[in-house]
């Protein structure tokens, strides 16, 4: 029988009270778990560099880094990530821009907690369906960008060449390489390609 794996969340909001409220709502949901909750966009960016989360809940108004920059960073690392934006901004141009960024849901901070829970459940179900169709657990499955890096490494390309090819930074290429080695349980890049 398959073990019930909870979807893992990163929550980002610069207001502690909002952050605690979101965590309290999420902790009532049996299908998800808050792994990290931070009040800084820069802290979130560091965490995103180190690991994948199944669902990201964030605000667009973060003093040290724009939420749009954070969304772009998440998408750069994992284009299949489920992103829910929790914002006080009701302006249509902001909502349109969020839609163009490919977020999965926009929840206004004035909404009832049930709306946030519905968005999280939808994202969690969507994440499980994606993982089941690939035949892998969510944390084991390489993202599309990780697969792109893996293919380039297999072709013998170096970090600089891969960064140029994929239009990403060399640091991001190295992050993907480390994640892939970890996901495959490989000793090094050659062992990763073989596996």
Protein backbone atom coordinates (compact mmCIF):
# COMPACT_ATOMS: atom_id res chain seq x y z
CA UNK A 1 0.00 0.00 0.00
CA UNK A 2 1.33 3.45 -0.98
CA UNK A 3 2.34 5.75 1.83
CA UNK A 4 0.33 8.98 1.95
CA UNK A 5 2.87 11.69 1.17
CA UNK A 6 1.97 15.22 2.25
CA UNK A 7 2.55 18.09 -0.16
CA UNK A 8 5.33 20.33 1.18
CA UNK A 9 4.87 24.09 1.31
CA UNK A 10 7.02 27.20 1.47
CA UNK A 11 5.12 30.23 2.80
CA UNK A 12 6.49 33.76 2.27
CA UNK A 13 4.95 36.93 3.72
CA UNK A 14 6.69 39.89 5.30
CA UNK A 15 3.98 40.27 7.97
CA UNK A 16 4.46 37.82 10.85
CA UNK A 17 0.78 37.83 11.76
CA UNK A 18 -0.28 36.90 8.21
CA UNK A 19 2.47 34.27 8.04
CA UNK A 20 1.34 32.70 11.32
CA UNK A 21 -2.30 32.79 10.18
CA UNK A 22 -1.52 31.00 6.92
CA UNK A 23 0.52 28.37 8.77
CA UNK A 24 -2.33 27.85 11.25
CA UNK A 25 -4.81 27.33 8.38
CA UNK A 26 -2.45 24.96 6.55
CA UNK A 27 -1.70 22.94 9.69
CA UNK A 28 -5.40 22.00 9.87
CA UNK A 29 -5.12 20.32 6.46
CA UNK A 30 -4.05 16.65 6.54
CA UNK A 31 -2.79 16.58 2.94
CA UNK A 32 -0.15 19.33 3.28
CA UNK A 33 2.60 20.48 5.63
CA UNK A 34 4.45 23.80 5.96
CA UNK A 35 8.14 22.93 5.70
CA UNK A 36 9.42 26.51 5.77
CA UNK A 37 7.81 29.87 6.52
CA UNK A 38 9.85 33.06 6.08
CA UNK A 39 9.30 36.82 6.15
CA UNK A 40 11.94 37.72 3.58
CA UNK A 41 12.13 37.30 -0.17
CA UNK A 42 15.90 36.85 0.05
CA UNK A 43 15.47 34.06 2.65
CA UNK A 44 12.92 32.42 0.33
CA UNK A 45 15.30 32.70 -2.65
CA UNK A 46 18.04 30.93 -0.65
CA UNK A 47 15.64 28.12 0.31
CA UNK A 48 14.44 27.77 -3.31
CA UNK A 49 18.07 27.37 -4.42
CA UNK A 50 18.50 24.45 -2.00
CA UNK A 51 15.30 22.45 -2.48
CA UNK A 52 12.00 21.99 -4.27
CA UNK A 53 8.66 22.48 -2.57
CA UNK A 54 5.38 21.15 -3.91
CA UNK A 55 3.45 24.38 -3.29
CA UNK A 56 4.59 27.98 -2.78
CA UNK A 57 2.35 30.54 -1.05
CA UNK A 58 3.65 34.09 -1.31
CA UNK A 59 2.80 37.75 -1.30
CA UNK A 60 3.83 40.06 -4.15
CA UNK A 61 4.69 42.94 -1.80
CA UNK A 62 7.89 41.89 -0.07
CA UNK A 63 10.33 44.70 0.85
CA UNK A 64 13.65 43.01 0.05
CA UNK A 65 12.62 41.30 -3.21
CA UNK A 66 9.56 41.66 -5.41
CA UNK A 67 7.12 38.78 -5.40
CA UNK A 68 7.33 38.83 -9.21
CA UNK A 69 11.10 38.24 -8.98
CA UNK A 70 10.46 35.38 -6.57
CA UNK A 71 7.88 33.84 -8.93
CA UNK A 72 10.40 34.08 -11.80
CA UNK A 73 13.05 32.38 -9.63
CA UNK A 74 10.64 29.57 -8.70
CA UNK A 75 9.68 29.10 -12.37
CA UNK A 76 13.36 29.10 -13.38
CA UNK A 77 14.06 26.30 -10.90
CA UNK A 78 10.82 24.33 -11.46
CA UNK A 79 8.37 25.29 -14.18
CA UNK A 80 5.82 22.78 -12.79
CA UNK A 81 5.75 24.34 -9.30
CA UNK A 82 2.35 25.18 -7.86
CA UNK A 83 2.28 28.87 -6.85
CA UNK A 84 -0.48 30.54 -4.86
CA UNK A 85 -0.28 34.30 -4.39
CA UNK A 86 -1.91 35.74 -1.27
CA UNK A 87 -2.15 39.50 -1.77
CA UNK A 88 -4.00 42.63 -0.69
CA UNK A 89 -3.69 44.08 -4.22
CA UNK A 90 -7.00 43.91 -6.05
CA UNK A 91 -5.87 45.96 -9.07
CA UNK A 92 -6.65 44.16 -12.31
CA UNK A 93 -3.22 44.91 -13.80
CA UNK A 94 -1.52 43.10 -10.91
CA UNK A 95 -3.84 40.11 -11.23
CA UNK A 96 -3.24 40.04 -15.01
CA UNK A 97 0.52 40.17 -14.48
CA UNK A 98 0.29 37.29 -11.97
CA UNK A 99 -1.71 35.25 -14.48
CA UNK A 100 0.93 35.98 -17.14
CA UNK A 101 3.58 34.72 -14.67
CA UNK A 102 1.70 31.42 -14.56
CA UNK A 103 0.60 31.39 -10.94
CA UNK A 104 -1.96 28.72 -10.08
CA UNK A 105 -4.18 30.88 -7.86
CA UNK A 106 -4.55 34.44 -6.60
CA UNK A 107 -6.21 34.79 -3.19
CA UNK A 108 -6.99 38.19 -1.73
CA UNK A 109 -6.00 38.72 1.89
CA UNK A 110 -9.56 39.88 2.51
CA UNK A 111 -10.86 36.40 1.50
CA UNK A 112 -12.08 33.75 3.89
CA UNK A 113 -9.58 31.07 4.91
CA UNK A 114 -11.75 28.50 3.09
CA UNK A 115 -10.69 30.05 -0.25
CA UNK A 116 -7.02 29.61 0.62
CA UNK A 117 -7.68 26.01 1.69
CA UNK A 118 -9.49 25.30 -1.60
CA UNK A 119 -6.57 26.69 -3.62
CA UNK A 120 -4.08 24.63 -1.60
CA UNK A 121 -6.14 21.44 -2.01
CA UNK A 122 -6.42 22.01 -5.75
CA UNK A 123 -2.65 22.57 -6.03
CA UNK A 124 -1.91 19.48 -3.90
CA UNK A 125 -4.21 17.27 -6.01
CA UNK A 126 -2.69 18.64 -9.20
CA UNK A 127 0.81 17.94 -7.85
CA UNK A 128 -0.10 14.33 -6.97
CA UNK A 129 -1.61 13.75 -10.44
CA UNK A 130 1.55 15.07 -12.12
CA UNK A 131 3.73 12.81 -9.96
CA UNK A 132 1.51 9.74 -10.46
CA UNK A 133 1.53 10.13 -14.24
CA UNK A 134 5.33 10.26 -14.19
CA UNK A 135 5.48 7.18 -11.94
CA UNK A 136 7.72 8.97 -9.46
CA UNK A 137 7.41 10.51 -6.02
CA UNK A 138 7.29 14.33 -6.21
CA UNK A 139 10.77 14.81 -4.71
CA UNK A 140 12.34 12.11 -6.95
CA UNK A 141 11.07 13.39 -10.28
CA UNK A 142 13.44 15.78 -12.05
CA UNK A 143 11.82 19.04 -13.14
CA UNK A 144 11.80 19.96 -16.81
CA UNK A 145 14.73 22.34 -16.28
CA UNK A 146 16.65 19.67 -14.37
CA UNK A 147 16.09 17.30 -17.30
CA UNK A 148 17.39 20.00 -19.67
CA UNK A 149 20.56 20.29 -17.57
CA UNK A 150 20.90 16.50 -17.37
CA UNK A 151 20.66 16.18 -21.17
CA UNK A 152 23.30 18.89 -21.63
CA UNK A 153 25.62 17.23 -19.09
CA UNK A 154 25.11 13.91 -20.90
CA UNK A 155 26.21 15.63 -24.13
CA UNK A 156 29.45 16.65 -22.40
CA UNK A 157 28.69 20.35 -22.07
CA UNK A 158 30.34 22.35 -19.27
CA UNK A 159 28.58 24.68 -16.85
CA UNK A 160 29.25 27.81 -18.92
CA UNK A 161 27.93 26.18 -22.11
CA UNK A 162 24.81 24.90 -20.35
CA UNK A 163 24.12 28.34 -18.85
CA UNK A 164 24.40 29.93 -22.33
CA UNK A 165 22.21 27.25 -23.92
CA UNK A 166 19.43 27.45 -21.32
CA UNK A 167 19.73 31.22 -20.70
CA UNK A 168 20.23 30.73 -16.95
CA UNK A 169 23.08 31.63 -14.61
CA UNK A 170 26.02 29.31 -14.02
CA UNK A 171 25.06 29.24 -10.34
CA UNK A 172 21.60 27.91 -11.31
CA UNK A 173 23.19 25.23 -13.49
CA UNK A 174 25.31 24.11 -10.52
CA UNK A 175 22.24 24.09 -8.28
CA UNK A 176 20.43 21.85 -10.77
CA UNK A 177 23.48 19.58 -11.04
CA UNK A 178 23.65 19.18 -7.22
CA UNK A 179 19.92 18.47 -7.03
CA UNK A 180 20.16 15.85 -9.78
CA UNK A 181 23.10 14.11 -8.11
CA UNK A 182 21.07 14.01 -4.90
CA UNK A 183 17.86 12.81 -6.59
CA UNK A 184 19.69 10.00 -8.39
CA UNK A 185 21.80 9.11 -5.36
CA UNK A 186 24.86 9.51 -7.59
CA UNK A 187 28.48 9.95 -6.53
CA UNK A 188 29.25 12.52 -9.23
CA UNK A 189 28.02 13.89 -12.58
CA UNK A 190 29.21 10.84 -14.54
CA UNK A 191 27.42 8.45 -12.18
CA UNK A 192 24.32 10.68 -12.45
CA UNK A 193 24.28 10.44 -16.26
CA UNK A 194 24.75 6.66 -16.12
CA UNK A 195 21.85 6.30 -13.67
